[in-house]
Amino acid sequence: MEIRIVPVNSDVADAERTVNIITRVSSVAAPYSKISVPDIPVIIKDLQKAGIGFSRDVIRANAGTETVTMRLQSEPRANVVVDLVVSQDPEGASRYATVTIDPPQITFTPEDYGSNVDVNFILADDGTAYGDVQMQVLATFQSTDHVYNTLEPTPITITVLEGDPAPAWIITDTTGVTLIAAAPGTPPLVPRTVVEHTGVLLYRVTPKGTLWRTVTLAPTFAPGTKQKGIITPSSFTFVPGVKSTANFLLTFPSNNAETGDQDVVIWHVVTGVDDEPGYRALSPNLGGSELTVKLIESDRAGINLGNGASGVILAEEPDSATANPIVTSVGIVLNSRPVATVQLLFYEAARVPTTLAAVRAPATAAERQLTLVSGQTLTFTESDWFLPHPVLMYATFKTGDQGRRIASLCATITSPDDDFYA
């Protein structure tokens, strides 16, 4: 005869256990009445597992509310109090996002253990562009049910996705509103102009987002800049938690050389090795950190009298062909510093020049009114362009009363490596 043994169904999660089935034999027949049957051990493996079930144990979302349903997986022998706690990241990432649990504590009873309970996880970002922040939610149990009291379930993993503005710089005029440098991904703006020697540009630089680490910013001129200006202050340090703006002043002192108008590019470089990585990655000229200004040249190439003389230079004619001449000295300077050697070759024009062709026509020996004693050829360099170079001359004796007359001293200029003087 076959006997089917069926364990009593229960939602309580018990450990594996052995139940002994006791067999007693009764019979009127003498041989059977004395039979002794040993107990039959039955091992019961409980299909119920103590634990807690979540509708999902991984959450990846931006700031907002995420709802998770939870329930106990088996009937407890006593009330079970579940506390949900956010585990803090040991590296400090949890400072840049938060998770609030509502409700943070749930109580299950043997009667309602299988009922679904909604738990809201409220995700919030702190405004800094730190990146995605991952945290874990741990469930702890309080119960006189030993099985649940010692349970350590798998935590819920929550990743708060970055939703704050990417690191970038905002460069404006002093109003803090009008951009003077293009924002990332937008067309370039017309450069602001700064006149050499007299012009001033005041501008502001602010980070686009909220900083989570110190950032030190230093303006610097891009490589290859022909004429660098002066920017004050030389750097500015932004501190987390403080809404601050860097104010810079740009000037271009005269370099005394005519190099022409030029576009000058300024980079704003993050200098601290431990500064916020997102902003360090923008150096030297990404994320709106490049500012272009138009430098207006104020120096002009030219020749001038360096000894204070102006207008007509008087040269006195000797009384006779044998008389000692009275020498006149003229100091010649350049108006601006050349970028290469400049050579002047003086000569007397054939007549008072009124056209360029006349200037280029030298006087014949018979026509010359002046005699150059020295300085017919003058050479200027970058180091002596402002020093008067003397040209000594006197009026050439002419027979008879020629009256007061005008002679024109002209010069040809050669400077193969200076376009403006050439």
Protein backbone atom coordinates (compact mmCIF):
# COMPACT_ATOMS: atom_id res chain seq x y z
CA MET A 1 0.00 0.00 0.00
CA GLU A 2 1.27 3.50 -0.92
CA ILE A 3 0.80 6.31 1.57
CA ARG A 4 1.10 9.94 0.26
CA ILE A 5 2.61 12.37 2.74
CA VAL A 6 1.66 16.00 2.06
CA PRO A 7 3.22 18.79 4.24
CA VAL A 8 0.85 21.39 5.58
CA ASN A 9 1.03 24.50 3.38
CA SER A 10 2.24 27.65 5.11
CA ASP A 11 3.45 31.08 3.91
CA VAL A 12 5.89 31.18 6.78
CA ALA A 13 9.49 30.69 5.69
CA ASP A 14 10.94 28.00 7.92
CA ALA A 15 14.31 26.42 7.74
CA GLU A 16 14.76 22.91 6.40
CA ARG A 17 13.55 20.50 9.05
CA THR A 18 12.95 16.83 9.74
CA VAL A 19 9.60 15.43 10.88
CA ASN A 20 9.42 11.85 12.20
CA ILE A 21 6.40 9.74 11.31
CA ILE A 22 5.63 7.29 14.12
CA THR A 23 4.15 3.95 13.03
CA ARG A 24 2.21 1.77 15.44
CA VAL A 25 1.12 -1.75 14.52
CA SER A 26 -1.94 -3.37 16.04
CA SER A 27 -3.16 -6.82 15.14
CA VAL A 28 -4.97 -9.80 16.69
CA ALA A 29 -2.52 -11.98 14.94
CA ALA A 30 0.21 -12.92 17.28
CA PRO A 31 3.09 -12.45 14.84
CA TYR A 32 2.08 -8.88 13.90
CA SER A 33 1.04 -7.69 17.28
CA LYS A 34 4.62 -7.77 18.37
CA ILE A 35 6.13 -5.97 15.33
CA SER A 36 7.98 -2.74 16.10
CA VAL A 37 8.37 -0.34 13.14
CA PRO A 38 11.04 2.41 13.40
CA ASP A 39 10.02 6.07 12.97
CA ILE A 40 10.10 7.33 9.38
CA PRO A 41 12.07 10.61 9.07
CA VAL A 42 10.62 13.08 6.55
CA ILE A 43 12.79 16.04 5.52
CA ILE A 44 10.72 19.11 4.70
CA LYS A 45 12.29 21.67 2.43
CA ASP A 46 10.36 24.91 2.73
CA LEU A 47 9.63 26.58 -0.58
CA GLN A 48 9.02 29.90 1.12
CA LYS A 49 12.02 32.26 1.35
CA ALA A 50 12.15 35.10 3.78
CA GLY A 51 12.99 38.39 2.09
CA ILE A 52 11.74 41.62 0.69
CA GLY A 53 10.71 42.14 -2.91
CA PHE A 54 11.04 45.36 -4.90
CA SER A 55 9.38 46.02 -8.23
CA ARG A 56 12.81 47.18 -9.37
CA ASP A 57 16.17 47.34 -7.68
CA VAL A 58 17.96 49.61 -10.17
CA ILE A 59 16.90 53.22 -10.79
CA ARG A 60 18.60 55.53 -13.31
CA ALA A 61 16.79 58.84 -13.64
CA ASN A 62 17.11 62.60 -13.62
CA ALA A 63 15.88 64.67 -10.72
CA GLY A 64 12.29 63.82 -9.91
CA THR A 65 10.19 61.19 -8.10
CA GLU A 66 10.55 57.47 -8.79
CA THR A 67 8.05 55.02 -7.23
CA VAL A 68 8.98 51.46 -6.25
CA THR A 69 6.53 48.83 -4.96
CA MET A 70 7.69 46.58 -2.12
CA ARG A 71 6.34 43.61 -0.13
CA LEU A 72 7.58 40.80 2.08
CA GLN A 73 8.13 37.52 0.29
CA SER A 74 6.94 35.31 3.16
CA GLU A 75 4.68 35.52 6.18
CA PRO A 76 6.55 36.63 9.28
CA ARG A 77 5.85 35.22 12.69
CA ALA A 78 5.75 38.72 14.12
CA ASN A 79 5.61 42.32 12.92
CA VAL A 80 8.53 43.38 10.72
CA VAL A 81 9.69 47.00 10.66
CA VAL A 82 11.67 47.89 7.49
CA ASP A 83 13.90 50.96 7.53
CA LEU A 84 15.17 52.29 4.20
CA VAL A 85 18.40 54.27 4.46
CA VAL A 86 20.56 55.93 1.78
CA SER A 87 24.15 54.74 1.98
CA GLN A 88 26.62 57.63 1.71
CA ASP A 89 29.32 57.38 -0.94
CA PRO A 90 32.72 57.22 0.83
CA GLU A 91 34.27 59.31 -1.98
CA GLY A 92 31.81 62.13 -1.37
CA ALA A 93 29.83 61.97 -4.62
CA SER A 94 26.59 61.97 -2.63
CA ARG A 95 27.26 65.60 -1.76
CA TYR A 96 26.26 66.55 -5.29
CA ALA A 97 22.86 64.80 -5.42
CA THR A 98 20.31 63.63 -2.86
CA VAL A 99 17.72 60.88 -2.52
CA THR A 100 14.81 61.35 -0.10
CA ILE A 101 12.69 58.30 0.80
CA ASP A 102 8.98 58.62 1.51
CA PRO A 103 8.06 56.81 3.70
CA PRO A 104 11.47 55.87 5.13
CA GLN A 105 9.93 53.21 7.40
CA ILE A 106 7.26 50.55 6.69
CA THR A 107 5.72 48.03 9.09
CA PHE A 108 4.45 44.66 7.86
CA THR A 109 2.29 42.35 9.95
CA PRO A 110 1.59 38.64 9.50
CA GLU A 111 -1.79 39.67 8.13
CA ASP A 112 -0.67 42.20 5.47
CA TYR A 113 2.82 41.01 4.65
CA GLY A 114 1.82 40.29 1.05
CA SER A 115 0.28 43.70 0.38
CA ASN A 116 2.14 45.98 -2.01
CA VAL A 117 3.42 49.21 -0.49
CA ASP A 118 4.52 52.14 -2.68
CA VAL A 119 7.73 53.90 -1.70
CA ASN A 120 8.69 57.19 -3.36
CA PHE A 121 12.34 57.97 -4.03
CA ILE A 122 12.73 61.72 -4.57
CA LEU A 123 15.89 62.44 -6.57
CA ALA A 124 17.42 65.91 -6.51
CA ASP A 125 20.50 67.48 -8.08
CA ASP A 126 22.50 70.24 -6.42
CA GLY A 127 23.10 72.37 -9.52
CA THR A 128 26.75 71.39 -10.05
CA ALA A 129 27.99 69.68 -13.18
CA TYR A 130 29.63 66.86 -11.24
CA GLY A 131 28.33 64.03 -13.40
CA ASP A 132 26.07 61.08 -12.60
CA VAL A 133 25.89 60.22 -8.90
CA GLN A 134 25.30 56.63 -7.79
CA MET A 135 23.97 55.72 -4.36
CA GLN A 136 22.54 52.65 -2.66
CA VAL A 137 19.44 52.26 -0.51
CA LEU A 138 19.83 49.70 2.25
CA ALA A 139 16.92 47.90 3.92
CA THR A 140 17.30 46.95 7.60
CA PHE A 141 14.83 44.90 9.65
CA GLN A 142 13.56 44.98 13.21
CA SER A 143 11.48 41.97 14.31
CA THR A 144 11.21 39.27 16.92
CA ASP A 145 11.09 36.90 13.97
CA HIS A 146 14.67 35.73 13.95
CA VAL A 147 14.65 34.99 10.24
CA TYR A 148 13.71 38.56 9.30
CA ASN A 149 15.67 40.22 12.04
CA THR A 150 18.92 38.90 10.61
CA LEU A 151 18.05 39.34 6.95
CA GLU A 152 20.43 41.36 4.72
CA PRO A 153 18.73 41.92 1.35
CA THR A 154 20.39 43.22 -1.83
CA PRO A 155 20.35 47.03 -1.81
CA ILE A 156 18.57 49.20 -4.37
CA THR A 157 21.02 51.01 -6.67
CA ILE A 158 20.00 54.56 -7.59
CA THR A 159 21.86 56.70 -10.13
CA VAL A 160 20.94 60.37 -10.25
CA LEU A 161 21.70 61.39 -13.83
CA GLU A 162 23.43 64.69 -14.42
CA GLY A 163 20.93 67.32 -15.47
CA ASP A 164 22.82 70.52 -14.79
CA PRO A 165 24.43 72.77 -17.43
CA ALA A 166 27.70 71.50 -18.84
CA PRO A 167 30.75 73.48 -17.71
CA ALA A 168 31.13 76.67 -19.76
CA TRP A 169 32.22 80.27 -19.38
CA ILE A 170 30.08 83.38 -19.93
CA ILE A 171 32.04 86.49 -21.00
CA THR A 172 30.08 89.74 -21.01
CA ASP A 173 30.57 93.48 -20.83
CA THR A 174 30.30 95.27 -17.50
CA THR A 175 26.51 94.96 -17.49
CA GLY A 176 26.83 91.20 -17.12
CA VAL A 177 24.13 90.82 -19.78
CA THR A 178 25.63 91.53 -23.21
CA LEU A 179 27.88 88.75 -24.45
CA ILE A 180 31.21 89.79 -25.97
CA ALA A 181 32.40 86.21 -26.56
CA ALA A 182 30.35 83.62 -28.39
CA ALA A 183 28.66 80.91 -26.34
CA PRO A 184 29.61 77.32 -27.19
CA GLY A 185 28.12 76.20 -30.48
CA THR A 186 27.11 79.70 -31.62
CA PRO A 187 28.58 81.88 -34.41
CA PRO A 188 31.47 84.22 -33.50
CA LEU A 189 30.59 87.73 -32.36
CA VAL A 190 31.96 90.95 -33.81
CA PRO A 191 35.09 91.70 -31.73
CA ARG A 192 35.08 94.67 -29.39
CA THR A 193 37.65 97.32 -30.36
CA VAL A 194 40.42 98.61 -28.12
CA VAL A 195 42.53 101.54 -29.27
CA GLU A 196 46.22 101.15 -28.57
CA HIS A 197 47.61 103.40 -25.85
CA THR A 198 44.28 105.04 -24.91
CA GLY A 199 41.61 102.32 -25.06
CA VAL A 200 40.31 100.24 -22.15
CA LEU A 201 38.08 97.15 -22.16
CA LEU A 202 36.34 96.07 -18.97
CA TYR A 203 34.70 92.64 -19.09
CA ARG A 204 33.26 89.96 -16.82
CA VAL A 205 33.70 86.19 -16.74
CA THR A 206 31.34 83.86 -14.83
CA PRO A 207 30.92 80.07 -14.79
CA LYS A 208 27.71 78.87 -16.42
CA GLY A 209 26.85 76.35 -13.71
CA THR A 210 27.35 75.90 -9.99
CA LEU A 211 30.86 74.88 -9.03
CA TRP A 212 31.56 71.91 -6.79
CA ARG A 213 35.29 72.56 -6.57
CA THR A 214 37.56 75.62 -6.64
CA VAL A 215 38.47 77.02 -10.07
CA THR A 216 41.30 79.50 -10.68
CA LEU A 217 41.03 81.32 -14.02
CA ALA A 218 43.90 83.18 -15.70
CA PRO A 219 43.57 85.22 -18.91
CA THR A 220 46.43 84.64 -21.33
CA PHE A 221 47.17 85.67 -24.88
CA ALA A 222 46.99 82.95 -27.50
CA PRO A 223 50.27 81.73 -29.00
CA GLY A 224 51.44 83.80 -31.94
CA THR A 225 49.95 87.07 -30.68
CA LYS A 226 51.97 89.92 -32.24
CA GLN A 227 51.14 92.54 -29.65
CA LYS A 228 50.11 91.51 -26.18
CA GLY A 229 48.27 93.80 -23.85
CA ILE A 230 48.01 93.97 -20.06
CA ILE A 231 45.15 92.23 -18.23
CA THR A 232 44.46 92.92 -14.57
CA PRO A 233 44.06 91.08 -12.33
CA SER A 234 46.25 88.28 -13.65
CA SER A 235 43.90 85.60 -12.25
CA PHE A 236 40.71 85.05 -10.27
CA THR A 237 39.64 82.15 -8.03
CA PHE A 238 36.01 80.99 -7.95
CA VAL A 239 34.94 79.26 -4.73
CA PRO A 240 32.12 76.67 -4.49
CA GLY A 241 28.96 77.98 -2.88
CA VAL A 242 29.80 81.60 -3.64
CA LYS A 243 28.19 83.33 -6.62
CA SER A 244 31.05 85.48 -7.84
CA THR A 245 32.17 87.18 -11.05
CA ALA A 246 35.68 87.80 -12.31
CA ASN A 247 36.18 91.38 -13.52
CA PHE A 248 39.11 91.97 -15.87
CA LEU A 249 40.59 95.15 -17.38
CA LEU A 250 42.41 95.01 -20.72
CA THR A 251 44.70 97.72 -22.12
CA PHE A 252 47.27 97.85 -24.91
CA PRO A 253 50.19 100.19 -24.13
CA SER A 254 51.81 101.61 -27.25
CA ASN A 255 54.67 99.48 -28.52
CA ASN A 256 55.79 102.49 -30.62
CA ALA A 257 55.69 100.37 -33.78
CA GLU A 258 53.10 100.45 -36.52
CA THR A 259 52.03 96.86 -37.01
CA GLY A 260 48.49 97.61 -38.15
CA ASP A 261 45.10 96.72 -36.70
CA GLN A 262 44.94 93.12 -35.57
CA ASP A 263 42.63 90.60 -33.95
CA VAL A 264 43.99 89.63 -30.54
CA VAL A 265 42.78 86.35 -29.06
CA ILE A 266 42.62 85.90 -25.29
CA TRP A 267 42.26 82.47 -23.71
CA HIS A 268 40.97 81.97 -20.18
CA VAL A 269 42.86 79.03 -18.74
CA VAL A 270 42.11 77.08 -15.55
CA THR A 271 45.45 76.85 -13.78
CA GLY A 272 44.83 74.80 -10.61
CA VAL A 273 45.85 71.14 -10.98
CA ASP A 274 43.14 70.16 -8.48
CA ASP A 275 40.46 72.48 -9.86
CA GLU A 276 37.09 71.17 -10.99
CA PRO A 277 37.82 68.67 -13.80
CA GLY A 278 34.94 69.78 -16.02
CA TYR A 279 36.29 73.32 -16.18
CA ARG A 280 39.90 72.20 -16.48
CA ALA A 281 38.86 70.25 -19.58
CA LEU A 282 37.80 73.53 -21.24
CA SER A 283 41.35 74.94 -21.22
CA PRO A 284 42.76 76.61 -23.12
CA ASN A 285 39.95 77.96 -25.31
CA LEU A 286 36.81 75.80 -25.18
CA GLY A 287 33.40 76.37 -23.64
CA GLY A 288 33.14 80.07 -24.46
CA SER A 289 36.52 80.86 -22.87
CA GLU A 290 38.00 82.48 -26.00
CA LEU A 291 37.66 86.25 -26.33
CA THR A 292 38.68 88.07 -29.52
CA VAL A 293 39.23 91.85 -29.51
CA LYS A 294 40.19 94.18 -32.36
CA LEU A 295 43.33 96.16 -31.51
CA ILE A 296 43.29 99.52 -33.30
CA GLU A 297 46.78 100.71 -34.18
CA SER A 298 47.69 104.20 -32.92
CA ASP A 299 51.31 104.36 -34.06
CA ARG A 300 52.09 105.61 -37.57
CA ALA A 301 55.18 105.14 -39.67
CA GLY A 302 56.79 108.40 -40.77
CA ILE A 303 59.75 110.78 -40.59
CA ASN A 304 60.02 113.86 -38.46
CA LEU A 305 62.40 116.55 -37.34
CA GLY A 306 63.71 115.48 -33.99
CA ASN A 307 65.32 118.72 -32.89
CA GLY A 308 62.13 120.67 -32.42
CA ALA A 309 62.29 122.43 -35.77
CA SER A 310 59.17 122.78 -37.84
CA GLY A 311 58.18 124.36 -41.11
CA VAL A 312 61.02 125.86 -43.14
CA ILE A 313 64.67 125.23 -42.26
CA LEU A 314 66.85 128.28 -42.92
CA ALA A 315 70.19 127.74 -44.63
CA GLU A 316 72.44 130.79 -45.15
CA GLU A 317 74.41 131.18 -48.39
CA PRO A 318 78.13 132.12 -48.03
CA ASP A 319 79.29 135.56 -49.22
CA SER A 320 81.66 134.07 -51.76
CA ALA A 321 82.74 130.81 -53.24
CA THR A 322 85.81 130.82 -50.96
CA ALA A 323 84.07 131.85 -47.72
CA ASN A 324 83.57 129.28 -44.98
CA PRO A 325 79.98 128.00 -45.19
CA ILE A 326 77.61 128.25 -42.28
CA VAL A 327 76.49 124.69 -41.60
CA THR A 328 72.89 123.94 -40.67
CA SER A 329 72.08 120.80 -38.66
CA VAL A 330 68.78 118.96 -38.94
CA GLY A 331 67.93 116.03 -36.62
CA ILE A 332 65.83 113.30 -38.24
CA VAL A 333 63.80 110.76 -36.27
CA LEU A 334 61.21 108.15 -37.15
CA ASN A 335 57.64 108.58 -35.92
CA SER A 336 57.39 104.99 -34.77
CA ARG A 337 59.60 102.05 -33.95
CA PRO A 338 60.37 99.99 -37.03
CA VAL A 339 60.27 96.22 -36.91
CA ALA A 340 63.34 96.07 -39.16
CA THR A 341 66.16 98.35 -40.30
CA VAL A 342 65.06 101.52 -42.14
CA GLN A 343 67.47 103.41 -44.41
CA LEU A 344 67.00 106.96 -45.67
CA LEU A 345 68.94 108.32 -48.65
CA PHE A 346 68.66 112.12 -48.87
CA TYR A 347 68.86 114.13 -52.04
CA GLU A 348 67.74 117.53 -53.30
CA ALA A 349 64.74 117.61 -55.60
CA ALA A 350 64.96 119.46 -58.92
CA ARG A 351 62.31 122.00 -57.92
CA VAL A 352 59.76 122.55 -55.18
CA PRO A 353 57.84 119.27 -55.42
CA THR A 354 54.12 119.42 -55.96
CA THR A 355 53.66 115.92 -57.27
CA LEU A 356 55.10 112.52 -56.48
CA ALA A 357 56.93 112.53 -59.85
CA ALA A 358 58.57 115.83 -58.94
CA VAL A 359 59.73 114.49 -55.59
CA ARG A 360 61.41 111.60 -57.33
CA ALA A 361 63.32 113.84 -59.74
CA PRO A 362 66.73 114.75 -58.26
CA ALA A 363 68.32 118.09 -59.04
CA THR A 364 71.26 118.23 -61.40
CA ALA A 365 74.61 119.50 -60.15
CA ALA A 366 73.91 122.90 -61.66
CA GLU A 367 70.47 123.10 -60.07
CA ARG A 368 71.47 122.15 -56.53
CA GLN A 369 70.88 124.82 -53.91
CA LEU A 370 72.20 122.71 -51.01
CA THR A 371 75.38 120.92 -50.22
CA LEU A 372 75.10 117.93 -47.88
CA VAL A 373 78.08 117.70 -45.57
CA SER A 374 77.10 114.50 -43.75
CA GLY A 375 74.06 112.37 -43.06
CA GLN A 376 73.20 111.83 -46.70
CA THR A 377 72.46 108.22 -45.73
CA LEU A 378 70.84 107.51 -42.36
CA THR A 379 70.13 104.07 -40.89
CA PHE A 380 67.54 103.55 -38.14
CA THR A 381 67.01 100.40 -36.07
CA GLU A 382 64.50 99.26 -33.45
CA SER A 383 66.78 100.60 -30.71
CA ASP A 384 67.69 104.07 -32.03
CA TRP A 385 64.68 105.12 -34.10
CA PHE A 386 63.77 107.89 -31.63
CA LEU A 387 67.26 109.39 -31.44
CA PRO A 388 67.87 112.39 -33.77
CA HIS A 389 70.17 111.39 -36.62
CA PRO A 390 71.95 114.55 -37.85
CA VAL A 391 72.00 115.78 -41.42
CA LEU A 392 74.55 118.63 -41.93
CA MET A 393 74.15 121.00 -44.90
CA TYR A 394 74.74 124.48 -46.11
CA ALA A 395 73.42 126.64 -48.94
CA THR A 396 75.52 126.42 -52.09
CA PHE A 397 77.10 129.71 -53.23
CA LYS A 398 75.53 131.14 -56.37
CA THR A 399 76.93 134.06 -58.32
CA GLY A 400 74.79 137.15 -58.21
CA ASP A 401 71.85 138.01 -56.03
CA GLN A 402 69.56 135.03 -56.30
CA GLY A 403 67.22 136.29 -53.61
CA ARG A 404 65.50 134.13 -51.07
CA ARG A 405 64.69 130.78 -52.60
CA ILE A 406 63.36 127.38 -51.62
CA ALA A 407 65.13 124.07 -51.96
CA SER A 408 63.52 120.77 -51.16
CA LEU A 409 65.42 118.05 -49.34
CA CYS A 410 63.84 114.67 -50.05
CA ALA A 411 64.66 111.09 -49.20
CA THR A 412 64.05 107.61 -50.45
CA ILE A 413 63.19 104.99 -47.86
CA THR A 414 64.16 101.35 -48.03
CA SER A 415 63.09 98.73 -45.51
CA PRO A 416 62.63 95.29 -47.04
CA ASP A 417 61.25 93.76 -43.83
CA ASP A 418 58.94 96.55 -42.62
CA ASP A 419 55.88 96.87 -44.84
CA PHE A 420 54.73 100.13 -43.31
CA TYR A 421 58.01 101.99 -43.78
CA ALA A 422 58.60 100.41 -47.16
